[in-house]
Each structure stands twice: as C-alpha cells, then as structure tokens.
Amino acid sequence: MKLNKHLLATGIMVANLFAGNAFGAVSEEEAAKLGDSLTPMGAEKAGNGNEIPAWDGGLATPPAGYKDDGVYVNPFLDEKRLFTIDQSNVEEYADKLSPGQIAMINRYSDYVIPVYKTHRSAVYPEKVMSDTVANATTTELIKDGNGLGNYETATPFPIPQNGLEAIWNHITRYRGGSIQRNSGQVAPTENGAYSVVKFQDELTWKTYLKDYEPGQAENVLFYFKQAITAPARLAGNVLLVHETIDQVKEPRSAWIYNAGQRRVRRAPQVAYDGPGTASDGLRTSDNFDMFNGAPDRYNWELVGKKEMYIPYNSYQLVDQDLNYDDIVRAGHINQELTRYELHRVWHVRATLKDGERHVYAKRDLYIDEDSWQASIIDHYDGRGELWRVAEAHSMQFYDQAIPWYAIETLYDLLSGRYLVLGLTNEEANPFTFDVERMSRDFTPAALRRAGTR
C-alpha cells in the first residue's frame, strides 16, 4: 500500500510505541497547519488533483427542499453514477477497496459498489473545530494510551502520531451534544427473512448536561441509554452506560433494566466481545458504532493513509419513501441504494495483544480523514481468516453540522448472515437533537422509571 509520504515526514509514527508515559500533543508549529494546509479537523485540505476535491467548508447549508423537520432530502439526488464495481472489474479497483469489500463482491454476484462523484461534505460546528485545534497542543495519551490527559471535549488528536490517537479520534468524535434516535435493527436469515427490533437511543456528552459543572464526573466521556420499544417480548428492556475515558482505571459502568423481572442489574458483559443487544450473536458489544470502548486489548498501528471507495453521502438509505423491505435483501442490503465515493482514509490496524482475549484477533479499520468516523472495518478470527466486514454508510446532518451514520452493516462471511443497525425509514421522529438532560436521567434509578412494563 502506498503511504502518504508528506504526512509521514511530519512525524507520523507507523508503530505503536508506548512506555507508559504521556504522549500525544504536537508542537505549536505543527498545530499551525490546522486551518492552513490542513482542515481544522486535521484532514488534508487540498484535493488529489483528480477525483478528490479540496475541502471548501463542507455541506454547511441545508439544500433547497429541506423543511427543517429532520427528514433529510438528498442534495445529490440528480447526480448520475460514474461507474459500478462488480465481479467483472473488481481486480481493476482492488487497490482502493478493503479485502472485506472484495470478499463481499466475490461472494455475492449482486453485491456491487456504485461509485459517484466525491463530495467532501463533512463539517462540524465552529466550537467543535476550534476546540479540536486547541486540543492539538494540549491533549495527551496517558496510561499506556488507555486514557486521555488534558481533555474535555471535541477531537483530541487532529494530527495523529500513532494508531491509538487515531482510534481515540473515532471514539470521541462529536455526534451532537445530546441526541435521541429512534431506529430499527434487523438480522436477516440467509434467505432474507427478518424481524425488526426497535430502539430508542439517547447519547449525551457530560458537558451538555443541564446541571454540568467543571470537574463533574471527571472520568466520564458520555452517557448512553438504549430502550427496546419493539417487539413486545423485548419491549421495556433498557441499557444504561457510563462511558469512561480511562476504562482501565475505571471500567465502563453498565446496567440493564429487565422488564420481565422488573429489576436493575449490573451488566459487565456490555464491553469488548460481550454479545451485542438483540443481535442474534452477529456482533460484539464493541462492534456498535463500528468500534467503541476501551482500546487496551489491542496493539494499534497507524499503517498510513490511502484513497478508498467508501460509503458516503448515503441519503438514499434514510429516504422515508422507502420501507425496510426495500433495503433488506438476502446476504446483504440492497446495494443499488448505496453510494460510494473516493476519499482519503487513515488505515489503522488493531492486533490482539499477547495474553489478551477477544473473538477478533485482528481488525483493519479505515477511518475517514474529514470526519474521523470509521467507514470500513475488516475483522479476522483467531486463525487469521477474514470473518466479518463492517461498513458505515455515512451522511452529513447538514442542519446540525454533524457527520454521522445513516446505517451500519456488519456482514458475517462464514454464516452468510448480516446485521443492519440504525434503520430509520419507518420510524417517526428518527432524530432529535439538543435534547435537554440532567445527570439524574442517567442513573440506575432512572432505568426503573424508563421501564414500560
């Protein structure tokens, strides 16, 4: 793979080198590139002279036709497909695809990658970008990279020097200060039959709590609450997570309210390779949001930067004129509804440490340079065989200045099954931003109040 030599020359380390000391902040001279040759988030501002344009501020204005109602119209609806990657030409484009993408194309004759014009639509609120610039010279990795020092909000390492910094950028990226999402999850059988599990998720960064005070819950990053609303046999079960910054010092705290038993209990299994909620065994807890949680079980290598065809500007997948039957197919989602563009990504490789346990022995992550969102992750089992392929179909929430996911997919190459998370086409009020929450809303006692039966 061809590395970006310019960025390597500016101090990128292609290794995971830590000896327990603080590490991460860059010099004032290096940080001065942010907003100049680099965007405020650390991406290369210039294009590649061909398919990738220069970043010009992102999609900061809602397109004509948007009614400010959370129903996102597609600003690129009239654009024509440039070409399609399929079994007939996959080798021609193999250098811009992940091994997992190639495996999906080779396995399914109708798994195609429709390629469109590239739009660098990602942009964050001004405060998030200015806080990110400030973090460049102050935030450090501590505890062998398993925690952040001098950090409170925004992206910690806009100029990453190793794989751990890059993955922390994904984990901590801004997704709205306090947001509620109503969505569906499906796990189709091999023949495409499925039922929908519906969730109401709440995600609130501690600094956005109405009663937040500086120094409060010092090691907490954010609060997450997830209630199952359907089917009836699962409805009323609620998960609560206090996500910590240093999960080695203080592991993630999680509780589950079981509606049938009408009681709250601790949930230490909601971490690492514990089973994902109602996922039919098709994902681990740390597969949610592509990757989440403590990074301490892996060695993280920053392999470099490359150009790849990744899912992007995926507005068709949130079109409320579609229903779930239009999207869900046997083996994979309806790829004719997807959109891929050529973007630069950071390639980060996670390799399981000696003596640690996880069902995934290796992960190859491809993280979008403009948003710090993981776009594609290839997962390998203990034998070194490619096992699962995750794709995040991203979009820009242009009324909120938030890049996020339309849906996430996780394909199991061994079983022939897959999982789709975040479906919203059939949901009323799928996204609510700026939800007002107090710290008391994210206590174990609040779980009991949230139970519906």
Protein backbone atom coordinates (compact mmCIF):
# COMPACT_ATOMS: atom_id res chain seq x y z
CA MET A 1 0.00 0.00 0.00
CA LYS A 2 1.26 3.48 -0.88
CA LEU A 3 1.66 5.69 2.20
CA ASN A 4 1.26 9.45 2.23
CA LYS A 5 4.93 10.44 2.37
CA HIS A 6 4.23 14.08 3.20
CA LEU A 7 2.38 13.18 6.38
CA LEU A 8 4.95 10.57 7.31
CA ALA A 9 7.59 13.25 7.06
CA THR A 10 5.70 15.46 9.51
CA GLY A 11 6.05 12.97 12.30
CA ILE A 12 3.57 10.16 11.74
CA MET A 13 4.74 7.03 13.51
CA VAL A 14 3.91 3.78 11.78
CA ALA A 15 4.01 1.81 15.00
CA ASN A 16 2.54 1.61 18.46
CA LEU A 17 5.34 2.75 20.75
CA PHE A 18 4.46 3.44 24.34
CA ALA A 19 6.26 3.00 27.64
CA GLY A 20 3.54 4.26 30.00
CA ASN A 21 4.39 7.95 29.60
CA ALA A 22 2.15 10.81 28.48
CA PHE A 23 2.29 11.26 24.72
CA GLY A 24 0.33 13.00 22.01
CA ALA A 25 0.44 16.82 21.97
CA VAL A 26 2.17 18.31 18.93
CA SER A 27 4.24 21.48 18.69
CA GLU A 28 2.76 24.92 18.05
CA GLU A 29 4.49 24.90 14.67
CA GLU A 30 2.85 21.60 13.71
CA ALA A 31 -0.54 22.71 15.03
CA ALA A 32 -0.32 25.89 12.91
CA LYS A 33 -1.09 23.72 9.87
CA LEU A 34 -4.65 23.29 11.16
CA GLY A 35 -6.82 25.68 9.19
CA ASP A 36 -3.98 26.25 6.71
CA SER A 37 -2.79 23.20 4.76
CA LEU A 38 -4.96 21.02 6.99
CA THR A 39 -8.62 21.46 7.85
CA PRO A 40 -9.44 22.29 11.49
CA MET A 41 -10.08 18.55 11.97
CA GLY A 42 -6.67 17.57 10.58
CA ALA A 43 -7.56 16.38 7.08
CA GLU A 44 -5.53 17.43 4.05
CA LYS A 45 -7.32 20.49 2.73
CA ALA A 46 -6.10 20.02 -0.84
CA GLY A 47 -7.61 17.54 -3.24
CA ASN A 48 -5.69 14.91 -5.15
CA GLY A 49 -5.84 16.72 -8.48
CA ASN A 50 -8.35 14.24 -9.83
CA GLU A 51 -11.39 12.68 -8.16
CA ILE A 52 -10.98 14.09 -4.65
CA PRO A 53 -11.70 17.84 -4.48
CA ALA A 54 -10.28 20.32 -2.00
CA TRP A 55 -12.24 20.75 1.22
CA ASP A 56 -14.19 24.01 0.96
CA GLY A 57 -16.01 24.05 4.28
CA GLY A 58 -18.27 21.04 3.84
CA LEU A 59 -22.02 20.86 3.42
CA ALA A 60 -22.85 23.64 5.86
CA THR A 61 -26.13 24.84 4.33
CA PRO A 62 -29.27 22.70 4.01
CA PRO A 63 -30.26 22.12 0.37
CA ALA A 64 -33.36 23.52 -1.25
CA GLY A 65 -36.37 21.47 -0.28
CA TYR A 66 -35.30 20.78 3.29
CA LYS A 67 -38.12 21.81 5.63
CA ASP A 68 -36.15 21.85 8.88
CA ASP A 69 -38.14 18.84 10.04
CA GLY A 70 -35.43 16.18 10.36
CA VAL A 71 -36.46 14.50 7.10
CA TYR A 72 -33.21 14.73 5.18
CA VAL A 73 -33.57 15.37 1.47
CA ASN A 74 -30.78 14.15 -0.77
CA PRO A 75 -28.72 17.12 -2.01
CA PHE A 76 -27.12 14.91 -4.68
CA LEU A 77 -30.26 13.16 -5.94
CA ASP A 78 -29.78 14.23 -9.57
CA GLU A 79 -26.20 13.04 -9.86
CA LYS A 80 -25.53 10.11 -12.16
CA ARG A 81 -23.47 7.10 -11.18
CA LEU A 82 -19.92 7.26 -12.55
CA PHE A 83 -19.36 3.50 -12.70
CA THR A 84 -20.05 0.27 -10.83
CA ILE A 85 -17.53 -2.12 -9.29
CA ASP A 86 -18.65 -5.74 -9.51
CA GLN A 87 -17.25 -9.19 -10.13
CA SER A 88 -16.29 -8.30 -13.70
CA ASN A 89 -13.90 -5.48 -12.78
CA VAL A 90 -13.12 -5.80 -9.06
CA GLU A 91 -9.43 -6.53 -9.69
CA GLU A 92 -9.10 -3.23 -11.55
CA TYR A 93 -10.08 -1.34 -8.40
CA ALA A 94 -8.68 -3.69 -5.76
CA ASP A 95 -6.07 -1.19 -4.55
CA LYS A 96 -8.87 1.16 -3.49
CA LEU A 97 -11.00 -1.46 -1.74
CA SER A 98 -10.56 -3.35 1.51
CA PRO A 99 -10.11 -7.15 1.49
CA GLY A 100 -13.56 -7.34 3.06
CA GLN A 101 -15.19 -5.36 0.27
CA ILE A 102 -13.51 -7.57 -2.30
CA ALA A 103 -14.67 -10.69 -0.44
CA MET A 104 -18.28 -9.46 -0.47
CA ILE A 105 -18.15 -8.77 -4.21
CA ASN A 106 -16.65 -12.18 -4.92
CA ARG A 107 -19.18 -13.97 -2.69
CA TYR A 108 -22.37 -12.31 -3.98
CA SER A 109 -22.90 -11.67 -7.69
CA ASP A 110 -25.37 -8.87 -6.88
CA TYR A 111 -23.11 -7.15 -4.36
CA VAL A 112 -21.96 -4.09 -6.27
CA ILE A 113 -20.26 -0.83 -5.34
CA PRO A 114 -21.90 2.12 -7.12
CA VAL A 115 -19.36 4.95 -7.38
CA TYR A 116 -20.39 8.61 -7.57
CA LYS A 117 -18.70 12.00 -7.64
CA THR A 118 -16.81 12.78 -4.43
CA HIS A 119 -18.18 15.49 -2.14
CA ARG A 120 -16.23 16.38 0.98
CA SER A 121 -19.40 17.26 2.86
CA ALA A 122 -18.14 16.69 6.42
CA VAL A 123 -18.10 19.72 8.69
CA TYR A 124 -18.53 20.24 12.44
CA PRO A 125 -19.79 23.22 14.48
CA GLU A 126 -17.30 26.06 14.78
CA LYS A 127 -16.78 25.45 18.50
CA VAL A 128 -16.03 21.77 17.95
CA MET A 129 -13.46 22.65 15.29
CA SER A 130 -11.84 25.38 17.39
CA ASP A 131 -11.70 23.07 20.42
CA THR A 132 -10.10 20.43 18.22
CA VAL A 133 -7.40 22.89 17.13
CA ALA A 134 -6.75 23.74 20.79
CA ASN A 135 -6.52 20.05 21.71
CA ALA A 136 -3.66 19.53 19.25
CA THR A 137 -1.12 21.14 21.58
CA THR A 138 -2.58 20.06 24.93
CA THR A 139 -4.27 16.64 24.87
CA GLU A 140 -2.05 13.66 25.64
CA LEU A 141 -2.33 9.90 25.80
CA ILE A 142 -1.84 8.56 29.32
CA LYS A 143 -1.86 5.13 30.97
CA ASP A 144 -0.14 3.43 28.01
CA GLY A 145 -2.61 5.10 25.69
CA ASN A 146 -5.71 3.87 27.52
CA GLY A 147 -6.78 7.32 28.69
CA LEU A 148 -6.66 10.98 27.72
CA GLY A 149 -4.97 13.75 29.67
CA ASN A 150 -5.91 17.44 29.41
CA TYR A 151 -9.07 16.54 27.52
CA GLU A 152 -12.69 17.57 27.90
CA THR A 153 -14.41 17.73 24.53
CA ALA A 154 -14.07 17.57 20.69
CA THR A 155 -11.47 15.58 18.72
CA PRO A 156 -8.31 15.06 20.80
CA PHE A 157 -5.65 14.40 18.13
CA PRO A 158 -6.26 16.19 14.81
CA ILE A 159 -2.66 15.41 13.83
CA PRO A 160 -2.35 11.77 14.95
CA GLN A 161 1.06 10.28 15.58
CA ASN A 162 0.03 6.66 16.12
CA GLY A 163 -2.87 4.26 15.83
CA LEU A 164 -4.15 4.82 19.36
CA GLU A 165 -4.58 8.53 18.72
CA ALA A 166 -6.49 7.82 15.53
CA ILE A 167 -8.90 5.39 17.23
CA TRP A 168 -9.45 7.83 20.10
CA ASN A 169 -10.47 10.38 17.46
CA HIS A 170 -13.18 7.98 16.28
CA ILE A 171 -14.33 7.10 19.81
CA THR A 172 -14.62 10.72 20.98
CA ARG A 173 -15.88 12.36 17.78
CA TYR A 174 -18.78 14.79 18.06
CA ARG A 175 -22.22 13.35 17.25
CA GLY A 176 -24.28 16.16 18.69
CA GLY A 177 -24.09 17.17 22.33
CA SER A 178 -27.31 15.45 23.36
CA ILE A 179 -29.29 13.40 20.84
CA GLN A 180 -32.16 10.93 20.75
CA ARG A 181 -32.60 8.43 17.91
CA ASN A 182 -35.45 6.06 17.11
CA SER A 183 -34.26 3.25 14.86
CA GLY A 184 -34.62 -0.37 13.82
CA GLN A 185 -32.15 -3.25 13.76
CA VAL A 186 -32.51 -6.38 11.63
CA ALA A 187 -30.57 -9.65 11.45
CA PRO A 188 -31.83 -11.40 8.30
CA THR A 189 -31.58 -15.15 7.87
CA GLU A 190 -29.68 -16.50 4.86
CA ASN A 191 -32.86 -16.33 2.76
CA GLY A 192 -33.51 -12.72 3.74
CA ALA A 193 -36.32 -13.21 6.26
CA TYR A 194 -36.15 -10.78 9.16
CA SER A 195 -37.97 -9.16 12.05
CA VAL A 196 -37.28 -5.67 13.36
CA VAL A 197 -36.03 -4.81 16.84
CA LYS A 198 -36.76 -1.16 17.54
CA PHE A 199 -34.68 1.03 19.81
CA GLN A 200 -34.79 4.47 21.32
CA ASP A 201 -31.20 5.59 21.95
CA GLU A 202 -30.03 8.59 23.93
CA LEU A 203 -26.45 9.86 23.81
CA THR A 204 -25.37 12.82 25.94
CA TRP A 205 -21.86 14.13 26.49
CA LYS A 206 -21.36 15.09 30.12
CA THR A 207 -20.53 18.70 29.23
CA TYR A 208 -24.01 19.03 27.66
CA LEU A 209 -25.92 18.06 30.80
CA LYS A 210 -28.04 20.98 32.04
CA ASP A 211 -26.56 20.62 35.52
CA TYR A 212 -22.95 20.04 34.43
CA GLU A 213 -20.23 21.76 36.42
CA PRO A 214 -16.48 21.70 35.61
CA GLY A 215 -14.82 18.72 37.25
CA GLN A 216 -18.06 16.76 37.48
CA ALA A 217 -17.69 13.03 36.71
CA GLU A 218 -14.09 13.69 35.69
CA ASN A 219 -13.52 10.31 34.04
CA VAL A 220 -16.87 10.15 32.21
CA LEU A 221 -16.91 10.78 28.46
CA PHE A 222 -20.64 10.41 27.77
CA TYR A 223 -23.86 8.75 28.91
CA PHE A 224 -25.78 6.31 26.72
CA LYS A 225 -29.24 4.90 27.29
CA GLN A 226 -30.94 2.42 24.98
CA ALA A 227 -34.54 1.26 25.40
CA ILE A 228 -36.08 -1.51 23.30
CA THR A 229 -39.54 -0.45 22.10
CA ALA A 230 -40.45 -3.48 19.94
CA PRO A 231 -41.15 -6.40 19.62
CA ALA A 232 -43.41 -6.90 22.61
CA ARG A 233 -41.32 -9.75 24.03
CA LEU A 234 -38.33 -7.41 24.42
CA ALA A 235 -40.04 -4.04 24.85
CA GLY A 236 -39.22 -2.24 28.05
CA ASN A 237 -35.69 -3.58 28.47
CA VAL A 238 -33.29 -0.67 28.95
CA LEU A 239 -29.50 -0.45 28.88
CA LEU A 240 -27.57 2.35 30.60
CA VAL A 241 -23.86 3.02 30.04
CA HIS A 242 -21.49 5.48 31.65
CA GLU A 243 -18.64 5.58 29.15
CA THR A 244 -15.34 6.39 30.80
CA ILE A 245 -12.26 7.97 29.29
CA ASP A 246 -9.78 5.69 31.09
CA GLN A 247 -11.55 2.32 31.06
CA VAL A 248 -8.57 0.52 32.56
CA LYS A 249 -8.56 2.68 35.66
CA GLU A 250 -12.35 2.74 35.82
CA PRO A 251 -14.12 0.27 33.51
CA ARG A 252 -17.27 1.30 31.71
CA SER A 253 -20.24 1.15 34.07
CA ALA A 254 -23.32 -0.53 32.60
CA TRP A 255 -26.71 -1.56 33.95
CA ILE A 256 -29.70 -3.35 32.41
CA TYR A 257 -33.33 -3.00 33.40
CA ASN A 258 -35.12 -6.27 32.68
CA ALA A 259 -38.79 -5.51 32.12
CA GLY A 260 -39.89 -9.08 32.77
CA GLN A 261 -38.14 -9.24 36.13
CA ARG A 262 -38.74 -5.54 36.88
CA ARG A 263 -35.28 -5.09 38.30
CA VAL A 264 -31.99 -3.38 37.51
CA ARG A 265 -28.74 -5.30 37.49
CA ARG A 266 -25.12 -4.61 36.63
CA ALA A 267 -24.06 -5.57 33.09
CA PRO A 268 -20.28 -6.08 32.94
CA GLN A 269 -20.73 -8.11 29.75
CA VAL A 270 -21.57 -4.91 27.84
CA ALA A 271 -17.97 -4.44 26.74
CA TYR A 272 -15.32 -5.93 24.45
CA ASP A 273 -16.64 -9.15 22.84
CA GLY A 274 -19.73 -9.47 25.02
CA PRO A 275 -22.82 -10.15 22.89
CA GLY A 276 -24.47 -7.16 21.23
CA THR A 277 -28.04 -6.35 22.23
CA ALA A 278 -30.65 -8.45 20.37
CA SER A 279 -28.13 -9.10 17.59
CA ASP A 280 -28.63 -12.86 17.24
CA GLY A 281 -24.94 -13.35 18.02
CA LEU A 282 -23.90 -11.40 14.93
CA ARG A 283 -21.99 -8.62 16.69
CA THR A 284 -19.96 -7.93 19.78
CA SER A 285 -20.57 -5.05 22.17
CA ASP A 286 -17.59 -3.19 20.73
CA ASN A 287 -18.95 -3.52 17.18
CA PHE A 288 -21.57 -0.87 17.95
CA ASP A 289 -20.73 2.47 16.30
CA MET A 290 -18.23 0.43 14.28
CA PHE A 291 -15.85 0.39 17.28
CA ASN A 292 -16.39 1.58 20.80
CA GLY A 293 -14.97 1.13 24.28
CA ALA A 294 -11.57 0.52 25.81
CA PRO A 295 -8.69 0.03 23.33
CA ASP A 296 -6.42 -1.76 25.84
CA ARG A 297 -6.67 -5.32 24.47
CA TYR A 298 -5.07 -4.43 21.14
CA ASN A 299 -1.84 -3.04 19.77
CA TRP A 300 -2.76 -0.18 17.45
CA GLU A 301 -0.66 0.52 14.38
CA LEU A 302 -1.06 3.55 12.16
CA VAL A 303 -0.36 1.92 8.81
CA GLY A 304 -0.76 5.14 6.84
CA LYS A 305 -3.19 6.99 4.64
CA LYS A 306 -4.69 5.82 1.35
CA GLU A 307 -7.52 6.54 -1.06
CA MET A 308 -10.53 4.21 -0.92
CA TYR A 309 -14.07 3.89 -2.19
CA ILE A 310 -16.13 4.19 0.97
CA PRO A 311 -19.87 4.66 1.65
CA TYR A 312 -20.56 8.40 1.73
CA ASN A 313 -23.44 10.86 1.47
CA SER A 314 -25.84 7.95 1.91
CA TYR A 315 -29.07 9.95 1.93
CA GLN A 316 -30.95 7.34 -0.08
CA LEU A 317 -30.76 4.99 2.90
CA VAL A 318 -32.76 7.40 5.11
CA ASP A 319 -35.38 8.17 2.46
CA GLN A 320 -38.74 7.89 4.21
CA ASP A 321 -40.41 6.96 0.94
CA LEU A 322 -38.63 3.61 1.30
CA ASN A 323 -39.50 0.87 3.74
CA TYR A 324 -37.26 -1.76 5.27
CA ASP A 325 -38.25 -4.32 2.64
CA ASP A 326 -36.71 -2.04 0.02
CA ILE A 327 -33.36 -2.13 1.84
CA VAL A 328 -33.05 -5.63 3.32
CA ARG A 329 -32.06 -8.44 0.98
CA ALA A 330 -30.68 -11.96 1.35
CA GLY A 331 -26.95 -11.80 2.07
CA HIS A 332 -26.61 -8.02 2.14
CA ILE A 333 -28.56 -4.79 1.87
CA ASN A 334 -29.81 -3.53 -1.48
CA GLN A 335 -26.56 -2.11 -2.83
CA GLU A 336 -28.39 -0.24 -5.59
CA LEU A 337 -29.50 2.19 -2.87
CA THR A 338 -25.94 2.84 -1.69
CA ARG A 339 -23.45 5.50 -2.71
CA TYR A 340 -19.65 5.19 -2.61
CA GLU A 341 -17.11 7.94 -3.20
CA LEU A 342 -13.33 8.13 -3.33
CA HIS A 343 -11.97 9.59 -0.09
CA ARG A 344 -8.73 9.55 1.85
CA VAL A 345 -8.77 7.33 4.91
CA TRP A 346 -6.42 6.50 7.74
CA HIS A 347 -5.63 2.80 7.83
CA VAL A 348 -5.35 1.62 11.43
CA ARG A 349 -4.55 -2.00 12.33
CA ALA A 350 -5.53 -3.47 15.70
CA THR A 351 -3.76 -6.71 16.66
CA LEU A 352 -4.72 -8.61 19.80
CA LYS A 353 -2.06 -8.36 22.50
CA ASP A 354 -0.34 -11.49 23.79
CA GLY A 355 -2.29 -12.88 26.72
CA GLU A 356 -5.47 -10.95 25.94
CA ARG A 357 -8.76 -12.50 24.85
CA HIS A 358 -11.16 -11.37 22.13
CA VAL A 359 -13.04 -13.17 19.34
CA TYR A 360 -11.38 -10.81 16.84
CA ALA A 361 -7.64 -11.38 16.64
CA LYS A 362 -7.16 -8.52 14.19
CA ARG A 363 -9.11 -5.57 12.88
CA ASP A 364 -8.24 -3.36 9.93
CA LEU A 365 -10.00 -0.01 10.30
CA TYR A 366 -10.36 2.59 7.57
CA ILE A 367 -11.21 5.98 9.08
CA ASP A 368 -12.43 8.92 7.01
CA GLU A 369 -9.92 11.79 7.27
CA ASP A 370 -12.58 14.54 7.22
CA SER A 371 -14.88 13.23 9.96
CA TRP A 372 -12.75 10.72 11.95
CA GLN A 373 -15.54 8.19 11.52
CA ALA A 374 -14.63 4.58 10.87
CA SER A 375 -16.02 3.79 7.41
CA ILE A 376 -14.96 0.17 6.90
CA ILE A 377 -13.61 -2.41 9.33
CA ASP A 378 -12.41 -5.89 8.37
CA HIS A 379 -12.44 -8.38 11.26
CA TYR A 380 -10.26 -11.51 11.44
CA ASP A 381 -10.67 -14.55 13.65
CA GLY A 382 -8.02 -16.36 15.70
CA ARG A 383 -6.88 -18.36 12.68
CA GLY A 384 -6.19 -15.18 10.74
CA GLU A 385 -9.21 -15.70 8.46
CA LEU A 386 -11.36 -12.79 7.34
CA TRP A 387 -14.61 -13.19 9.26
CA ARG A 388 -16.78 -10.09 9.38
CA VAL A 389 -16.95 -6.94 7.26
CA ALA A 390 -18.43 -3.73 8.64
CA GLU A 391 -19.47 -0.77 6.52
CA ALA A 392 -20.78 2.54 7.85
CA HIS A 393 -22.96 4.39 5.37
CA SER A 394 -22.37 7.97 6.43
CA MET A 395 -24.18 11.22 5.76
CA GLN A 396 -23.90 14.85 6.79
CA PHE A 397 -26.68 16.09 9.05
CA TYR A 398 -26.47 19.47 7.36
CA ASP A 399 -28.87 21.27 9.69
CA GLN A 400 -26.72 20.31 12.69
CA ALA A 401 -23.17 20.34 11.22
CA ILE A 402 -22.77 16.70 12.26
CA PRO A 403 -21.27 13.87 10.17
CA TRP A 404 -22.79 10.58 11.35
CA TYR A 405 -24.09 7.27 10.08
CA ALA A 406 -27.27 6.65 8.13
CA ILE A 407 -26.91 2.93 8.88
CA GLU A 408 -24.22 0.44 9.87
CA THR A 409 -23.90 -3.01 8.32
CA LEU A 410 -21.92 -5.99 9.62
CA TYR A 411 -21.57 -8.97 7.29
CA ASP A 412 -20.60 -12.43 8.52
CA LEU A 413 -18.73 -14.19 5.72
CA LEU A 414 -18.87 -17.55 7.48
CA SER A 415 -22.58 -17.76 8.24
CA GLY A 416 -23.86 -15.79 5.26
CA ARG A 417 -25.91 -13.60 7.61
CA TYR A 418 -25.62 -9.94 8.47
CA LEU A 419 -26.83 -7.18 10.75
CA VAL A 420 -28.13 -3.70 9.97
CA LEU A 421 -28.19 -1.07 12.71
CA GLY A 422 -29.76 2.38 12.67
CA LEU A 423 -32.61 1.95 10.17
CA THR A 424 -34.94 4.96 10.35
CA ASN A 425 -37.10 4.85 7.19
CA GLU A 426 -40.20 3.59 9.01
CA GLU A 427 -39.64 5.49 12.26
CA ALA A 428 -41.45 8.63 13.36
CA ASN A 429 -39.17 11.41 14.60
CA PRO A 430 -35.99 9.40 13.97
CA PHE A 431 -33.57 12.12 15.18
CA THR A 432 -33.98 14.72 17.89
CA PHE A 433 -31.03 16.99 18.62
CA ASP A 434 -30.34 19.27 21.59
CA VAL A 435 -32.32 17.10 23.99
CA GLU A 436 -32.19 18.55 27.50
CA ARG A 437 -30.96 16.05 30.08
CA MET A 438 -29.85 16.18 33.71
CA SER A 439 -27.32 13.92 35.39
CA ARG A 440 -30.17 12.23 37.27
CA ASP A 441 -31.56 10.99 33.95
CA PHE A 442 -28.59 8.63 33.62
CA THR A 443 -28.64 6.89 37.00
CA PRO A 444 -29.58 3.26 37.67
CA ALA A 445 -32.74 4.57 39.37
CA ALA A 446 -33.70 6.25 36.10
CA LEU A 447 -33.74 2.85 34.41
CA ARG A 448 -36.63 1.72 36.55
CA ARG A 449 -38.54 4.85 35.67
CA ALA A 450 -37.84 4.24 31.97
CA GLY A 451 -39.26 0.70 32.04
CA THR A 452 -42.57 0.33 30.23
CA ARG A 453 -43.91 -2.75 31.94
